[in-house]
Amino acid sequence: MNRIFTILITVILFVSCKDEAKEASEITAETEAKAIKDSMDLANEMADSKPEQKSVKQIKKELTEKGFKTFDFVDESTQDTILMQQYFMVFLKSGPIRGQNEEESADLQEQHLAHLKKMYDLGYADISGPFGDDGDIRGVTIYNVPTLKMADSLASADPMVKAGRLEIEIHPWWAAKGYPLR
């Protein structure tokens, strides 16, 4: 951050020195102030873009206040505190009503994908996807919500579920906060 700020100030000073060769009437205090303000705004934006590092204790407190279930433990090999959060894994299974024609099926699929995208965009679902076989369980969505009731409500709002083409099976599922898929 200091290095960026120093570079910005150096550029401003260089530009200012070049401008001194011009007529004095072209340079105003307002122009210089604007250049400095613009540089400061840029430096602040760059500083703000760095994600804030929260402690496990802070994250746990925030989740608990929102109604999420959590627990933590110390990893013996690293001595890091690992925070576990409860999610809800929703299995999307073949439903009893699968006799839609091709056009109805395509329309339902489009609505289904729009619903899943909306759940992701709103922060309710962290990951969704179909299974690669032709089994009874067609796909899965992991809901990042505090209660089973909320996960059930959101999953049941899926147009495929409403139409009976899919049905849901929900299970509480625990995962470590901040660990990516690999």
C-alpha atoms as a PDB file:
ATOM      1  CA  MET A   1       0.000   0.000   0.000  1.00  0.00           C
ATOM      2  CA  ASN A   2       2.772   2.443   0.927  1.00  0.00           C
ATOM      3  CA  ARG A   3       4.615   1.569  -2.276  1.00  0.00           C
ATOM      4  CA  ILE A   4       1.518   2.280  -4.398  1.00  0.00           C
ATOM      5  CA  PHE A   5       0.930   5.564  -2.573  1.00  0.00           C
ATOM      6  CA  THR A   6       4.585   6.571  -3.079  1.00  0.00           C
ATOM      7  CA  ILE A   7       4.394   5.784  -6.809  1.00  0.00           C
ATOM      8  CA  LEU A   8       1.190   7.793  -7.167  1.00  0.00           C
ATOM      9  CA  ILE A   9       2.670  10.812  -5.371  1.00  0.00           C
ATOM     10  CA  THR A  10       5.835  10.573  -7.513  1.00  0.00           C
ATOM     11  CA  VAL A  11       3.717  10.577 -10.685  1.00  0.00           C
ATOM     12  CA  ILE A  12       1.755  13.582  -9.434  1.00  0.00           C
ATOM     13  CA  LEU A  13       4.945  15.472  -8.601  1.00  0.00           C
ATOM     14  CA  PHE A  14       6.444  14.619 -11.979  1.00  0.00           C
ATOM     15  CA  VAL A  15       3.330  15.821 -13.787  1.00  0.00           C
ATOM     16  CA  SER A  16       3.274  18.926 -11.596  1.00  0.00           C
ATOM     17  CA  CYS A  17       6.928  19.702 -12.416  1.00  0.00           C
ATOM     18  CA  LYS A  18       6.250  19.354 -16.148  1.00  0.00           C
ATOM     19  CA  ASP A  19       3.260  21.650 -15.770  1.00  0.00           C
ATOM     20  CA  GLU A  20       5.378  24.354 -14.119  1.00  0.00           C
ATOM     21  CA  ALA A  21       7.008  24.931 -17.473  1.00  0.00           C
ATOM     22  CA  LYS A  22       3.610  25.949 -18.835  1.00  0.00           C
ATOM     23  CA  GLU A  23       2.137  29.307 -18.206  1.00  0.00           C
ATOM     24  CA  ALA A  24       1.140  29.849 -14.592  1.00  0.00           C
ATOM     25  CA  SER A  25      -2.402  30.644 -15.624  1.00  0.00           C
ATOM     26  CA  GLU A  26      -2.958  27.048 -16.774  1.00  0.00           C
ATOM     27  CA  ILE A  27      -2.221  25.594 -13.356  1.00  0.00           C
ATOM     28  CA  THR A  28      -4.730  26.166 -10.654  1.00  0.00           C
ATOM     29  CA  ALA A  29      -4.923  24.976  -7.110  1.00  0.00           C
ATOM     30  CA  GLU A  30      -8.187  23.291  -8.028  1.00  0.00           C
ATOM     31  CA  THR A  31      -6.524  21.172 -10.740  1.00  0.00           C
ATOM     32  CA  GLU A  32      -3.744  20.079  -8.403  1.00  0.00           C
ATOM     33  CA  ALA A  33      -6.226  19.306  -5.624  1.00  0.00           C
ATOM     34  CA  LYS A  34      -8.318  17.203  -8.025  1.00  0.00           C
ATOM     35  CA  ALA A  35      -5.238  15.242  -9.165  1.00  0.00           C
ATOM     36  CA  ILE A  36      -4.252  14.542  -5.564  1.00  0.00           C
ATOM     37  CA  LYS A  37      -7.834  13.580  -4.645  1.00  0.00           C
ATOM     38  CA  ASP A  38      -8.055  11.242  -7.665  1.00  0.00           C
ATOM     39  CA  SER A  39      -4.762   9.604  -6.653  1.00  0.00           C
ATOM     40  CA  MET A  40      -5.932   9.219  -3.066  1.00  0.00           C
ATOM     41  CA  ASP A  41      -9.253   7.741  -4.229  1.00  0.00           C
ATOM     42  CA  LEU A  42      -7.391   5.214  -6.374  1.00  0.00           C
ATOM     43  CA  ALA A  43      -5.096   4.278  -3.488  1.00  0.00           C
ATOM     44  CA  ASN A  44      -8.107   3.872  -1.181  1.00  0.00           C
ATOM     45  CA  GLU A  45      -9.927   1.705  -3.735  1.00  0.00           C
ATOM     46  CA  MET A  46      -6.890  -0.530  -4.011  1.00  0.00           C
ATOM     47  CA  ALA A  47      -6.632  -0.792  -0.235  1.00  0.00           C
ATOM     48  CA  ASP A  48     -10.361  -1.520   0.092  1.00  0.00           C
ATOM     49  CA  SER A  49     -10.177  -4.331  -2.463  1.00  0.00           C
ATOM     50  CA  LYS A  50      -8.149  -6.490  -0.076  1.00  0.00           C
ATOM     51  CA  PRO A  51     -10.472  -8.875   1.778  1.00  0.00           C
ATOM     52  CA  GLU A  52     -10.690  -8.284   5.505  1.00  0.00           C
ATOM     53  CA  GLN A  53      -9.209 -11.147   7.483  1.00  0.00           C
ATOM     54  CA  LYS A  54     -11.635 -12.222  10.192  1.00  0.00           C
ATOM     55  CA  SER A  55     -10.721 -14.501  13.037  1.00  0.00           C
ATOM     56  CA  VAL A  56     -12.424 -17.859  13.521  1.00  0.00           C
ATOM     57  CA  LYS A  57     -14.011 -16.390  16.659  1.00  0.00           C
ATOM     58  CA  GLN A  58     -15.477 -13.443  14.668  1.00  0.00           C
ATOM     59  CA  ILE A  59     -16.814 -15.706  11.915  1.00  0.00           C
ATOM     60  CA  LYS A  60     -18.332 -18.085  14.461  1.00  0.00           C
ATOM     61  CA  LYS A  61     -20.022 -15.182  16.281  1.00  0.00           C
ATOM     62  CA  GLU A  62     -21.473 -13.788  13.027  1.00  0.00           C
ATOM     63  CA  LEU A  63     -22.791 -17.200  11.959  1.00  0.00           C
ATOM     64  CA  THR A  64     -24.300 -17.882  15.388  1.00  0.00           C
ATOM     65  CA  GLU A  65     -26.044 -14.496  15.367  1.00  0.00           C
ATOM     66  CA  LYS A  66     -27.599 -15.425  11.995  1.00  0.00           C
ATOM     67  CA  GLY A  67     -28.871 -18.740  13.400  1.00  0.00           C
ATOM     68  CA  PHE A  68     -26.310 -21.123  11.885  1.00  0.00           C
ATOM     69  CA  LYS A  69     -25.085 -24.150  13.819  1.00  0.00           C
ATOM     70  CA  THR A  70     -21.301 -24.335  14.191  1.00  0.00           C
ATOM     71  CA  PHE A  71     -18.564 -26.021  16.176  1.00  0.00           C
ATOM     72  CA  ASP A  72     -14.807 -25.771  16.110  1.00  0.00           C
ATOM     73  CA  PHE A  73     -11.810 -27.927  16.927  1.00  0.00           C
ATOM     74  CA  VAL A  74      -8.028 -27.673  16.861  1.00  0.00           C
ATOM     75  CA  ASP A  75      -6.226 -29.531  14.080  1.00  0.00           C
ATOM     76  CA  GLU A  76      -3.515 -31.456  15.939  1.00  0.00           C
ATOM     77  CA  SER A  77      -1.024 -31.323  13.055  1.00  0.00           C
ATOM     78  CA  THR A  78      -1.240 -27.583  12.326  1.00  0.00           C
ATOM     79  CA  GLN A  79      -2.643 -26.270  15.620  1.00  0.00           C
ATOM     80  CA  ASP A  80      -5.144 -24.244  13.536  1.00  0.00           C
ATOM     81  CA  THR A  81      -8.693 -23.826  14.793  1.00  0.00           C
ATOM     82  CA  ILE A  82     -11.074 -25.313  12.238  1.00  0.00           C
ATOM     83  CA  LEU A  83     -14.612 -23.918  12.149  1.00  0.00           C
ATOM     84  CA  MET A  84     -17.320 -26.289  11.010  1.00  0.00           C
ATOM     85  CA  GLN A  85     -20.678 -25.007   9.762  1.00  0.00           C
ATOM     86  CA  GLN A  86     -23.897 -26.879   9.137  1.00  0.00           C
ATOM     87  CA  TYR A  87     -25.196 -26.687   5.560  1.00  0.00           C
ATOM     88  CA  PHE A  88     -28.082 -28.570   3.972  1.00  0.00           C
ATOM     89  CA  MET A  89     -27.461 -30.984   1.126  1.00  0.00           C
ATOM     90  CA  VAL A  90     -30.515 -31.337  -1.072  1.00  0.00           C
ATOM     91  CA  PHE A  91     -30.683 -34.353  -3.348  1.00  0.00           C
ATOM     92  CA  LEU A  92     -32.887 -33.775  -6.381  1.00  0.00           C
ATOM     93  CA  LYS A  93     -34.496 -37.111  -7.213  1.00  0.00           C
ATOM     94  CA  SER A  94     -36.706 -38.234 -10.073  1.00  0.00           C
ATOM     95  CA  GLY A  95     -40.260 -37.220  -9.223  1.00  0.00           C
ATOM     96  CA  PRO A  96     -43.513 -39.042  -9.896  1.00  0.00           C
ATOM     97  CA  ILE A  97     -44.597 -36.779 -12.784  1.00  0.00           C
ATOM     98  CA  ARG A  98     -42.134 -37.250 -15.655  1.00  0.00           C
ATOM     99  CA  GLY A  99     -44.551 -37.388 -18.598  1.00  0.00           C
ATOM    100  CA  GLN A 100     -44.081 -33.819 -19.805  1.00  0.00           C
ATOM    101  CA  ASN A 101     -43.630 -33.411 -23.540  1.00  0.00           C
ATOM    102  CA  GLU A 102     -40.327 -32.214 -24.969  1.00  0.00           C
ATOM    103  CA  GLU A 103     -41.356 -28.542 -25.030  1.00  0.00           C
ATOM    104  CA  GLU A 104     -42.656 -28.611 -21.440  1.00  0.00           C
ATOM    105  CA  SER A 105     -39.497 -30.419 -20.272  1.00  0.00           C
ATOM    106  CA  ALA A 106     -37.264 -27.837 -21.962  1.00  0.00           C
ATOM    107  CA  ASP A 107     -39.243 -24.969 -20.415  1.00  0.00           C
ATOM    108  CA  LEU A 108     -39.082 -26.575 -16.953  1.00  0.00           C
ATOM    109  CA  GLN A 109     -35.330 -27.117 -17.354  1.00  0.00           C
ATOM    110  CA  GLU A 110     -34.843 -23.438 -18.232  1.00  0.00           C
ATOM    111  CA  GLN A 111     -36.888 -22.376 -15.179  1.00  0.00           C
ATOM    112  CA  HIS A 112     -35.008 -24.875 -12.992  1.00  0.00           C
ATOM    113  CA  LEU A 113     -31.618 -23.471 -14.037  1.00  0.00           C
ATOM    114  CA  ALA A 114     -32.858 -19.898 -13.491  1.00  0.00           C
ATOM    115  CA  HIS A 115     -34.021 -20.886  -9.988  1.00  0.00           C
ATOM    116  CA  LEU A 116     -30.626 -22.419  -9.138  1.00  0.00           C
ATOM    117  CA  LYS A 117     -28.808 -19.350 -10.466  1.00  0.00           C
ATOM    118  CA  LYS A 118     -31.049 -17.117  -8.364  1.00  0.00           C
ATOM    119  CA  MET A 119     -30.320 -19.214  -5.252  1.00  0.00           C
ATOM    120  CA  TYR A 120     -26.584 -18.888  -5.943  1.00  0.00           C
ATOM    121  CA  ASP A 121     -26.772 -15.146  -6.697  1.00  0.00           C
ATOM    122  CA  LEU A 122     -28.730 -14.505  -3.469  1.00  0.00           C
ATOM    123  CA  GLY A 123     -26.152 -16.474  -1.465  1.00  0.00           C
ATOM    124  CA  TYR A 124     -28.526 -19.277  -0.457  1.00  0.00           C
ATOM    125  CA  ALA A 125     -26.862 -22.032  -2.486  1.00  0.00           C
ATOM    126  CA  ASP A 126     -23.102 -22.534  -2.649  1.00  0.00           C
ATOM    127  CA  ILE A 127     -22.937 -25.235  -5.292  1.00  0.00           C
ATOM    128  CA  SER A 128     -25.346 -27.131  -7.536  1.00  0.00           C
ATOM    129  CA  GLY A 129     -24.975 -29.689 -10.260  1.00  0.00           C
ATOM    130  CA  PRO A 130     -26.350 -32.789 -11.928  1.00  0.00           C
ATOM    131  CA  PHE A 131     -25.010 -36.290 -11.458  1.00  0.00           C
ATOM    132  CA  GLY A 132     -23.319 -37.905 -14.437  1.00  0.00           C
ATOM    133  CA  ASP A 133     -25.282 -41.129 -14.421  1.00  0.00           C
ATOM    134  CA  ASP A 134     -28.924 -41.835 -15.209  1.00  0.00           C
ATOM    135  CA  GLY A 135     -29.844 -42.875 -11.673  1.00  0.00           C
ATOM    136  CA  ASP A 136     -32.777 -41.908  -9.483  1.00  0.00           C
ATOM    137  CA  ILE A 137     -30.800 -39.072  -7.850  1.00  0.00           C
ATOM    138  CA  ARG A 138     -30.548 -36.481 -10.607  1.00  0.00           C
ATOM    139  CA  GLY A 139     -28.485 -33.759  -8.882  1.00  0.00           C
ATOM    140  CA  VAL A 140     -27.500 -31.982  -5.690  1.00  0.00           C
ATOM    141  CA  THR A 141     -27.576 -28.465  -4.271  1.00  0.00           C
ATOM    142  CA  ILE A 142     -25.813 -27.401  -1.083  1.00  0.00           C
ATOM    143  CA  TYR A 143     -27.785 -24.683   0.684  1.00  0.00           C
ATOM    144  CA  ASN A 144     -25.950 -22.218   2.920  1.00  0.00           C
ATOM    145  CA  VAL A 145     -28.905 -21.348   5.151  1.00  0.00           C
ATOM    146  CA  PRO A 146     -29.390 -21.587   8.920  1.00  0.00           C
ATOM    147  CA  THR A 147     -32.379 -23.950   9.108  1.00  0.00           C
ATOM    148  CA  LEU A 148     -33.775 -27.107   7.555  1.00  0.00           C
ATOM    149  CA  LYS A 149     -37.103 -25.316   7.131  1.00  0.00           C
ATOM    150  CA  MET A 150     -35.466 -22.595   5.029  1.00  0.00           C
ATOM    151  CA  ALA A 151     -33.578 -25.117   2.873  1.00  0.00           C
ATOM    152  CA  ASP A 152     -36.802 -27.073   2.349  1.00  0.00           C
ATOM    153  CA  SER A 153     -38.715 -23.934   1.398  1.00  0.00           C
ATOM    154  CA  LEU A 154     -36.080 -22.777  -1.106  1.00  0.00           C
ATOM    155  CA  ALA A 155     -35.637 -26.226  -2.667  1.00  0.00           C
ATOM    156  CA  SER A 156     -39.412 -26.725  -2.877  1.00  0.00           C
ATOM    157  CA  ALA A 157     -39.720 -23.443  -4.815  1.00  0.00           C
ATOM    158  CA  ASP A 158     -37.789 -25.000  -7.720  1.00  0.00           C
ATOM    159  CA  PRO A 159     -40.162 -25.158 -10.720  1.00  0.00           C
ATOM    160  CA  MET A 160     -39.101 -28.779 -11.414  1.00  0.00           C
ATOM    161  CA  VAL A 161     -40.107 -29.735  -7.872  1.00  0.00           C
ATOM    162  CA  LYS A 162     -43.387 -27.822  -8.099  1.00  0.00           C
ATOM    163  CA  ALA A 163     -44.194 -29.630 -11.357  1.00  0.00           C
ATOM    164  CA  GLY A 164     -43.437 -33.019  -9.764  1.00  0.00           C
ATOM    165  CA  ARG A 165     -40.644 -33.817 -12.217  1.00  0.00           C
ATOM    166  CA  LEU A 166     -38.194 -33.756  -9.299  1.00  0.00           C
ATOM    167  CA  GLU A 167     -38.591 -34.338  -5.590  1.00  0.00           C
ATOM    168  CA  ILE A 168     -36.219 -33.399  -2.803  1.00  0.00           C
ATOM    169  CA  GLU A 169     -34.425 -35.241  -0.034  1.00  0.00           C
ATOM    170  CA  ILE A 170     -32.604 -33.020   2.481  1.00  0.00           C
ATOM    171  CA  HIS A 171     -29.787 -33.883   4.873  1.00  0.00           C
ATOM    172  CA  PRO A 172     -27.871 -31.649   7.309  1.00  0.00           C
ATOM    173  CA  TRP A 173     -24.228 -31.606   6.224  1.00  0.00           C
ATOM    174  CA  TRP A 174     -21.138 -30.239   7.978  1.00  0.00           C
ATOM    175  CA  ALA A 175     -18.156 -28.681   6.231  1.00  0.00           C
ATOM    176  CA  ALA A 176     -15.136 -26.649   7.306  1.00  0.00           C
ATOM    177  CA  LYS A 177     -15.519 -22.899   6.650  1.00  0.00           C
ATOM    178  CA  GLY A 178     -13.161 -21.517   4.044  1.00  0.00           C
ATOM    179  CA  TYR A 179     -11.917 -24.804   2.610  1.00  0.00           C
ATOM    180  CA  PRO A 180     -12.239 -24.894  -1.212  1.00  0.00           C
ATOM    181  CA  LEU A 181     -13.123 -27.835  -3.399  1.00  0.00           C
ATOM    182  CA  ARG A 182     -10.138 -29.464  -5.062  1.00  0.00           C
END
